Protein backbone atom coordinates (compact mmCIF):
# COMPACT_ATOMS: atom_id res chain seq x y z
CA TYR A 1 -34.89 16.05 -18.18
CA ALA A 2 -33.68 13.59 -15.54
CA GLN A 3 -34.32 10.69 -17.89
CA LYS A 4 -32.19 12.31 -20.64
CA VAL A 5 -29.33 12.90 -18.22
CA LYS A 6 -29.52 9.31 -17.00
CA GLN A 7 -29.46 8.00 -20.58
CA ALA A 8 -26.48 10.23 -21.41
CA ILE A 9 -24.60 8.94 -18.38
CA MET A 10 -25.39 5.34 -19.31
CA ALA A 11 -24.22 5.94 -22.90
CA ALA A 12 -20.97 7.50 -21.66
CA HIS A 13 -20.43 4.59 -19.30
CA ASP A 14 -20.97 2.05 -22.10
CA SER A 15 -18.58 3.98 -24.33
CA ILE A 16 -15.88 4.01 -21.64
CA ILE A 17 -16.26 0.26 -21.07
CA SER A 18 -16.01 -0.55 -24.78
CA ALA A 19 -12.96 1.72 -25.16
CA ARG A 20 -11.26 0.01 -22.21
CA ILE A 21 -11.92 -3.43 -23.73
CA LYS A 22 -10.51 -2.31 -27.09
CA GLN A 23 -7.39 -0.80 -25.50
CA THR A 24 -6.76 -3.98 -23.50
CA ARG A 25 -7.18 -6.15 -26.57
CA ASP A 26 -4.85 -3.97 -28.66
CA ALA A 27 -2.20 -3.83 -25.93
CA ASN A 28 -2.26 -7.60 -25.42
CA ARG A 29 -1.87 -8.16 -29.16
CA HIS A 30 1.68 -6.74 -29.05
CA ARG A 31 2.81 -8.52 -25.90
CA ARG A 32 5.12 -11.48 -26.04
CA PRO A 33 5.60 -14.16 -23.39
CA ALA A 34 8.38 -13.74 -20.86
CA PRO A 35 11.57 -15.53 -21.93
CA PHE A 36 12.16 -16.92 -18.42
CA LYS A 37 11.95 -20.55 -17.39
CA LEU A 38 11.84 -22.31 -14.04
CA ASN A 39 15.12 -22.23 -12.12
CA ASP A 40 16.46 -19.27 -14.14
CA PHE A 41 18.20 -16.52 -12.22
CA VAL A 42 17.04 -12.94 -12.84
CA TYR A 43 17.81 -9.45 -11.64
CA VAL A 44 14.97 -7.16 -10.54
CA SER A 45 14.94 -3.45 -11.31
CA THR A 46 14.74 -1.16 -8.28
CA LYS A 47 13.01 1.55 -10.32
CA ASN A 48 9.61 1.07 -8.65
CA ILE A 49 10.79 -0.08 -5.22
CA LYS A 50 10.43 2.37 -2.33
CA PHE A 51 13.46 2.55 -0.07
CA PRO A 52 13.54 4.14 3.40
CA LYS A 53 13.83 7.91 3.56
CA GLY A 54 17.28 9.35 3.94
CA MET A 55 18.82 7.09 1.32
CA SER A 56 20.09 8.93 -1.74
CA GLN A 57 18.47 7.61 -4.93
CA LYS A 58 21.68 8.34 -6.77
CA LEU A 59 23.66 5.89 -4.66
CA LEU A 60 21.14 3.03 -4.62
CA PRO A 61 21.73 -0.02 -6.83
CA LYS A 62 19.77 -0.11 -10.09
CA TRP A 63 19.22 -3.86 -9.89
CA MET A 64 18.71 -6.39 -7.09
CA GLY A 65 19.40 -10.08 -7.25
CA PRO A 66 19.99 -12.54 -8.66
CA TYR A 67 16.73 -14.22 -7.69
CA LYS A 68 15.71 -17.73 -8.68
CA ILE A 69 12.40 -18.23 -10.48
CA ILE A 70 10.43 -20.90 -8.63
């Protein structure tokens, strides 16, 4: 019984690994290189940046910058 369970777990693990590899390959197939070059100026979205508590999200800027690509 223990051997069957171990084999089932190993098979599930192998299946998860192969699915992850396939998903990564498929996702990378549709990606395109960034259009930025050295010394370009860009704005950065504040969507995923954590600000200190007490600051209203509604009043925060949507973009920060410009920043130079080095």
